[in-house]
PDB file of all heavy atoms in Angstrom:
ATOM      1  N   SER A   1     -18.096-111.939-137.361  1.00  0.00           N
ATOM      2  CA  SER A   1     -16.823-111.217-137.326  1.00  0.00           C
ATOM      3  C   SER A   1     -16.654-110.407-138.610  1.00  0.00           C
ATOM      4  O   SER A   1     -16.894-110.898-139.710  1.00  0.00           O
ATOM      5  CB  SER A   1     -15.652-112.189-137.189  1.00  0.00           C
ATOM      6  OG  SER A   1     -15.749-112.940-136.005  1.00  0.00           O
ATOM      7  N   THR A   2     -16.235-109.148-138.451  1.00  0.00           N
ATOM      8  CA  THR A   2     -15.992-108.289-139.606  1.00  0.00           C
ATOM      9  C   THR A   2     -14.567-108.485-140.094  1.00  0.00           C
ATOM     10  O   THR A   2     -13.621-108.460-139.301  1.00  0.00           O
ATOM     11  CB  THR A   2     -16.216-106.813-139.236  1.00  0.00           C
ATOM     12  OG1 THR A   2     -17.565-106.637-138.768  1.00  0.00           O
ATOM     13  CG2 THR A   2     -15.984-105.914-140.437  1.00  0.00           C
ATOM     14  N   LEU A   3     -14.413-108.700-141.384  1.00  0.00           N
ATOM     15  CA  LEU A   3     -13.093-108.866-141.963  1.00  0.00           C
ATOM     16  C   LEU A   3     -12.456-107.502-142.219  1.00  0.00           C
ATOM     17  O   LEU A   3     -13.050-106.460-141.954  1.00  0.00           O
ATOM     18  CB  LEU A   3     -13.193-109.658-143.271  1.00  0.00           C
ATOM     19  CG  LEU A   3     -13.811-111.058-143.162  1.00  0.00           C
ATOM     20  CD1 LEU A   3     -13.810-111.737-144.536  1.00  0.00           C
ATOM     21  CD2 LEU A   3     -13.059-111.902-142.156  1.00  0.00           C
ATOM     22  N   GLU A   4     -11.255-107.522-142.737  1.00  0.00           N
ATOM     23  CA  GLU A   4     -10.563-106.281-143.054  1.00  0.00           C
ATOM     24  C   GLU A   4     -11.371-105.454-144.049  1.00  0.00           C
ATOM     25  O   GLU A   4     -12.159-105.989-144.825  1.00  0.00           O
ATOM     26  CB  GLU A   4      -9.201-106.591-143.668  1.00  0.00           C
ATOM     27  CG  GLU A   4      -8.205-107.274-142.754  1.00  0.00           C
ATOM     28  CD  GLU A   4      -6.950-107.664-143.513  1.00  0.00           C
ATOM     29  OE1 GLU A   4      -7.056-108.510-144.416  1.00  0.00           O
ATOM     30  OE2 GLU A   4      -5.890-107.111-143.207  1.00  0.00           O
ATOM     31  N   SER A   5     -11.130-104.175-144.039  1.00  0.00           N
ATOM     32  CA  SER A   5     -11.780-103.298-145.005  1.00  0.00           C
ATOM     33  C   SER A   5     -11.234-103.561-146.397  1.00  0.00           C
ATOM     34  O   SER A   5     -10.188-104.206-146.575  1.00  0.00           O
ATOM     35  CB  SER A   5     -11.529-101.833-144.629  1.00  0.00           C
ATOM     36  OG  SER A   5     -10.153-101.526-144.798  1.00  0.00           O
ATOM     37  N   GLU A   6     -11.947-103.073-147.370  1.00  0.00           N
ATOM     38  CA  GLU A   6     -11.506-103.261-148.748  1.00  0.00           C
ATOM     39  C   GLU A   6     -10.131-102.658-148.961  1.00  0.00           C
ATOM     40  O   GLU A   6      -9.258-103.279-149.583  1.00  0.00           O
ATOM     41  CB  GLU A   6     -12.520-102.616-149.694  1.00  0.00           C
ATOM     42  CG  GLU A   6     -12.196-102.817-151.169  1.00  0.00           C
ATOM     43  CD  GLU A   6     -13.245-102.235-152.089  1.00  0.00           C
ATOM     44  OE1 GLU A   6     -14.237-102.927-152.391  1.00  0.00           O
ATOM     45  OE2 GLU A   6     -13.060-101.058-152.500  1.00  0.00           O
ATOM     46  N   ASN A   7      -9.911-101.451-148.438  1.00  0.00           N
ATOM     47  CA  ASN A   7      -8.611-100.802-148.623  1.00  0.00           C
ATOM     48  C   ASN A   7      -7.492-101.594-147.964  1.00  0.00           C
ATOM     49  O   ASN A   7      -6.384-101.706-148.505  1.00  0.00           O
ATOM     50  CB  ASN A   7      -8.650 -99.374-148.066  1.00  0.00           C
ATOM     51  CG  ASN A   7      -9.464 -98.429-148.943  1.00  0.00           C
ATOM     52  OD1 ASN A   7      -9.614 -98.673-150.143  1.00  0.00           O
ATOM     53  ND2 ASN A   7      -9.983 -97.363-148.357  1.00  0.00           N
ATOM     54  N   ALA A   8      -7.772-102.143-146.778  1.00  0.00           N
ATOM     55  CA  ALA A   8      -6.748-102.945-146.089  1.00  0.00           C
ATOM     56  C   ALA A   8      -6.414-104.196-146.891  1.00  0.00           C
ATOM     57  O   ALA A   8      -5.244-104.594-146.986  1.00  0.00           O
ATOM     58  CB  ALA A   8      -7.231-103.312-144.688  1.00  0.00           C
ATOM     59  N   MET A   9      -7.440-104.833-147.479  1.00  0.00           N
ATOM     60  CA  MET A   9      -7.184-106.025-148.289  1.00  0.00           C
ATOM     61  C   MET A   9      -6.432-105.682-149.559  1.00  0.00           C
ATOM     62  O   MET A   9      -5.546-106.440-149.997  1.00  0.00           O
ATOM     63  CB  MET A   9      -8.508-106.709-148.633  1.00  0.00           C
ATOM     64  CG  MET A   9      -9.154-107.437-147.467  1.00  0.00           C
ATOM     65  SD  MET A   9     -10.555-108.441-148.028  1.00  0.00           S
ATOM     66  CE  MET A   9     -11.157-109.068-146.457  1.00  0.00           C
ATOM     67  N   LEU A  10      -6.746-104.538-150.160  1.00  0.00           N
ATOM     68  CA  LEU A  10      -6.033-104.133-151.366  1.00  0.00           C
ATOM     69  C   LEU A  10      -4.557-103.931-151.074  1.00  0.00           C
ATOM     70  O   LEU A  10      -3.678-104.330-151.849  1.00  0.00           O
ATOM     71  CB  LEU A  10      -6.641-102.844-151.931  1.00  0.00           C
ATOM     72  CG  LEU A  10      -8.013-102.972-152.586  1.00  0.00           C
ATOM     73  CD1 LEU A  10      -8.569-101.593-152.938  1.00  0.00           C
ATOM     74  CD2 LEU A  10      -7.941-103.849-153.831  1.00  0.00           C
ATOM     75  N   GLN A  11      -4.271-103.332-149.937  1.00  0.00           N
ATOM     76  CA  GLN A  11      -2.885-103.102-149.551  1.00  0.00           C
ATOM     77  C   GLN A  11      -2.183-104.417-149.210  1.00  0.00           C
ATOM     78  O   GLN A  11      -1.024-104.640-149.562  1.00  0.00           O
ATOM     79  CB  GLN A  11      -2.819-102.159-148.353  1.00  0.00           C
ATOM     80  CG  GLN A  11      -1.403-101.793-147.928  1.00  0.00           C
ATOM     81  CD  GLN A  11      -1.393-100.751-146.825  1.00  0.00           C
ATOM     82  OE1 GLN A  11      -2.433-100.303-146.366  1.00  0.00           O
ATOM     83  NE2 GLN A  11      -0.195-100.358-146.411  1.00  0.00           N
ATOM     84  N   ARG A  12      -2.910-105.302-148.554  1.00  0.00           N
ATOM     85  CA  ARG A  12      -2.330-106.583-148.143  1.00  0.00           C
ATOM     86  C   ARG A  12      -2.016-107.476-149.338  1.00  0.00           C
ATOM     87  O   ARG A  12      -0.927-108.063-149.424  1.00  0.00           O
ATOM     88  CB  ARG A  12      -3.300-107.287-147.203  1.00  0.00           C
ATOM     89  CG  ARG A  12      -2.894-108.709-146.816  1.00  0.00           C
ATOM     90  CD  ARG A  12      -3.989-109.339-145.988  1.00  0.00           C
ATOM     91  NE  ARG A  12      -3.764-110.753-145.764  1.00  0.00           N
ATOM     92  CZ  ARG A  12      -4.679-111.578-145.252  1.00  0.00           C
ATOM     93  NH1 ARG A  12      -5.880-111.114-144.934  1.00  0.00           N
ATOM     94  NH2 ARG A  12      -4.408-112.851-145.076  1.00  0.00           N
ATOM     95  N   PHE A  13      -2.969-107.594-150.258  1.00  0.00           N
ATOM     96  CA  PHE A  13      -2.794-108.513-151.375  1.00  0.00           C
ATOM     97  C   PHE A  13      -2.147-107.883-152.603  1.00  0.00           C
ATOM     98  O   PHE A  13      -1.687-108.601-153.489  1.00  0.00           O
ATOM     99  CB  PHE A  13      -4.143-109.117-151.767  1.00  0.00           C
ATOM    100  CG  PHE A  13      -4.769-109.980-150.706  1.00  0.00           C
ATOM    101  CD1 PHE A  13      -6.010-109.666-150.163  1.00  0.00           C
ATOM    102  CD2 PHE A  13      -4.114-111.111-150.244  1.00  0.00           C
ATOM    103  CE1 PHE A  13      -6.600-110.472-149.188  1.00  0.00           C
ATOM    104  CE2 PHE A  13      -4.690-111.916-149.265  1.00  0.00           C
ATOM    105  CZ  PHE A  13      -5.919-111.589-148.736  1.00  0.00           C
ATOM    106  N   GLN A  14      -2.154-106.551-152.672  1.00  0.00           N
ATOM    107  CA  GLN A  14      -1.557-105.849-153.811  1.00  0.00           C
ATOM    108  C   GLN A  14      -2.162-106.313-155.134  1.00  0.00           C
ATOM    109  O   GLN A  14      -1.470-106.743-156.062  1.00  0.00           O
ATOM    110  CB  GLN A  14      -0.042-106.048-153.817  1.00  0.00           C
ATOM    111  CG  GLN A  14       0.697-105.350-152.673  1.00  0.00           C
ATOM    112  CD  GLN A  14       0.602-103.832-152.764  1.00  0.00           C
ATOM    113  OE1 GLN A  14       1.104-103.224-153.722  1.00  0.00           O
ATOM    114  NE2 GLN A  14      -0.050-103.212-151.790  1.00  0.00           N
ATOM    115  N   ILE A  15      -3.492-106.234-155.195  1.00  0.00           N
ATOM    116  CA  ILE A  15      -4.209-106.612-156.403  1.00  0.00           C
ATOM    117  C   ILE A  15      -5.154-105.488-156.790  1.00  0.00           C
ATOM    118  O   ILE A  15      -5.358-104.534-156.029  1.00  0.00           O
ATOM    119  CB  ILE A  15      -5.015-107.911-156.207  1.00  0.00           C
ATOM    120  CG1 ILE A  15      -6.016-107.746-155.059  1.00  0.00           C
ATOM    121  CG2 ILE A  15      -4.087-109.091-155.982  1.00  0.00           C
ATOM    122  CD1 ILE A  15      -6.970-108.921-154.895  1.00  0.00           C
ATOM    123  N   ALA A  16      -5.754-105.605-157.968  1.00  0.00           N
ATOM    124  CA  ALA A  16      -6.710-104.609-158.432  1.00  0.00           C
ATOM    125  C   ALA A  16      -8.024-104.728-157.662  1.00  0.00           C
ATOM    126  O   ALA A  16      -8.399-105.809-157.200  1.00  0.00           O
ATOM    127  CB  ALA A  16      -6.956-104.785-159.928  1.00  0.00           C
ATOM    128  N   ARG A  17      -8.725-103.619-157.540  1.00  0.00           N
ATOM    129  CA  ARG A  17      -9.991-103.591-156.800  1.00  0.00           C
ATOM    130  C   ARG A  17     -11.017-104.555-157.407  1.00  0.00           C
ATOM    131  O   ARG A  17     -11.770-105.217-156.693  1.00  0.00           O
ATOM    132  CB  ARG A  17     -10.552-102.160-156.803  1.00  0.00           C
ATOM    133  CG  ARG A  17     -11.702-101.938-155.821  1.00  0.00           C
ATOM    134  CD  ARG A  17     -12.142-100.471-155.853  1.00  0.00           C
ATOM    135  NE  ARG A  17     -11.040 -99.578-155.511  1.00  0.00           N
ATOM    136  CZ  ARG A  17     -10.718 -99.232-154.262  1.00  0.00           C
ATOM    137  NH1 ARG A  17     -11.425 -99.699-153.247  1.00  0.00           N
ATOM    138  NH2 ARG A  17      -9.710 -98.403-154.043  1.00  0.00           N
ATOM    139  N   GLY A  18     -11.039-104.648-158.735  1.00  0.00           N
ATOM    140  CA  GLY A  18     -11.988-105.542-159.388  1.00  0.00           C
ATOM    141  C   GLY A  18     -11.760-107.002-159.002  1.00  0.00           C
ATOM    142  O   GLY A  18     -12.715-107.759-158.803  1.00  0.00           O
ATOM    143  N   SER A  19     -10.500-107.418-158.891  1.00  0.00           N
ATOM    144  CA  SER A  19     -10.190-108.798-158.513  1.00  0.00           C
ATOM    145  C   SER A  19     -10.628-109.085-157.089  1.00  0.00           C
ATOM    146  O   SER A  19     -11.144-110.167-156.786  1.00  0.00           O
ATOM    147  CB  SER A  19      -8.686-109.065-158.658  1.00  0.00           C
ATOM    148  OG  SER A  19      -8.294-109.021-160.011  1.00  0.00           O
ATOM    149  N   LEU A  20     -10.404-108.118-156.189  1.00  0.00           N
ATOM    150  CA  LEU A  20     -10.808-108.297-154.794  1.00  0.00           C
ATOM    151  C   LEU A  20     -12.325-108.407-154.684  1.00  0.00           C
ATOM    152  O   LEU A  20     -12.845-109.292-153.987  1.00  0.00           O
ATOM    153  CB  LEU A  20     -10.306-107.141-153.937  1.00  0.00           C
ATOM    154  CG  LEU A  20     -10.757-107.167-152.474  1.00  0.00           C
ATOM    155  CD1 LEU A  20     -10.267-108.433-151.766  1.00  0.00           C
ATOM    156  CD2 LEU A  20     -10.286-105.920-151.731  1.00  0.00           C
ATOM    157  N   ARG A  21     -13.030-107.548-155.361  1.00  0.00           N
ATOM    158  CA  ARG A  21     -14.491-107.583-155.277  1.00  0.00           C
ATOM    159  C   ARG A  21     -15.047-108.875-155.875  1.00  0.00           C
ATOM    160  O   ARG A  21     -16.040-109.410-155.391  1.00  0.00           O
ATOM    161  CB  ARG A  21     -15.079-106.357-155.976  1.00  0.00           C
ATOM    162  CG  ARG A  21     -14.808-105.066-155.196  1.00  0.00           C
ATOM    163  CD  ARG A  21     -15.420-103.842-155.828  1.00  0.00           C
ATOM    164  NE  ARG A  21     -15.248-102.678-154.962  1.00  0.00           N
ATOM    165  CZ  ARG A  21     -15.614-101.448-155.273  1.00  0.00           C
ATOM    166  NH1 ARG A  21     -16.194-101.199-156.460  1.00  0.00           N
ATOM    167  NH2 ARG A  21     -15.421-100.444-154.421  1.00  0.00           N
ATOM    168  N   GLU A  22     -14.407-109.366-156.913  1.00  0.00           N
ATOM    169  CA  GLU A  22     -14.836-110.640-157.480  1.00  0.00           C
ATOM    170  C   GLU A  22     -14.590-111.772-156.479  1.00  0.00           C
ATOM    171  O   GLU A  22     -15.410-112.680-156.328  1.00  0.00           O
ATOM    172  CB  GLU A  22     -14.089-110.929-158.785  1.00  0.00           C
ATOM    173  CG  GLU A  22     -14.578-112.188-159.487  1.00  0.00           C
ATOM    174  CD  GLU A  22     -13.883-112.430-160.810  1.00  0.00           C
ATOM    175  OE1 GLU A  22     -13.135-111.546-161.270  1.00  0.00           O
ATOM    176  OE2 GLU A  22     -14.078-113.518-161.385  1.00  0.00           O
ATOM    177  N   ALA A  23     -13.467-111.714-155.768  1.00  0.00           N
ATOM    178  CA  ALA A  23     -13.170-112.723-154.747  1.00  0.00           C
ATOM    179  C   ALA A  23     -14.226-112.712-153.654  1.00  0.00           C
ATOM    180  O   ALA A  23     -14.693-113.760-153.198  1.00  0.00           O
ATOM    181  CB  ALA A  23     -11.786-112.471-154.144  1.00  0.00           C
ATOM    182  N   LEU A  24     -14.613-111.525-153.211  1.00  0.00           N
ATOM    183  CA  LEU A  24     -15.625-111.414-152.163  1.00  0.00           C
ATOM    184  C   LEU A  24     -16.983-111.895-152.658  1.00  0.00           C
ATOM    185  O   LEU A  24     -17.754-112.490-151.902  1.00  0.00           O
ATOM    186  CB  LEU A  24     -15.710-109.965-151.663  1.00  0.00           C
ATOM    187  CG  LEU A  24     -14.463-109.444-150.947  1.00  0.00           C
ATOM    188  CD1 LEU A  24     -14.606-107.966-150.618  1.00  0.00           C
ATOM    189  CD2 LEU A  24     -14.200-110.240-149.676  1.00  0.00           C
ATOM    190  N   ARG A  25     -17.273-111.658-153.936  1.00  0.00           N
ATOM    191  CA  ARG A  25     -18.543-112.140-154.492  1.00  0.00           C
ATOM    192  C   ARG A  25     -18.564-113.668-154.514  1.00  0.00           C
ATOM    193  O   ARG A  25     -19.608-114.289-154.281  1.00  0.00           O
ATOM    194  CB  ARG A  25     -18.761-111.581-155.904  1.00  0.00           C
ATOM    195  CG  ARG A  25     -19.290-110.161-155.920  1.00  0.00           C
ATOM    196  CD  ARG A  25     -19.835-109.792-157.293  1.00  0.00           C
ATOM    197  NE  ARG A  25     -18.784-109.769-158.304  1.00  0.00           N
ATOM    198  CZ  ARG A  25     -18.045-108.705-158.600  1.00  0.00           C
ATOM    199  NH1 ARG A  25     -18.240-107.568-157.934  1.00  0.00           N
ATOM    200  NH2 ARG A  25     -17.126-108.757-159.546  1.00  0.00           N
TER     201      ARG A  25
END
C-alpha cells in the first residue's frame, strides 16, 4: 500500500520537511 505523498504528510502534520524525511528513514 502506498502512503500519502510527502506534500500531503507535510500539510497533515504541519512539520518541517527534514523532520518528516527523518521519520520515514
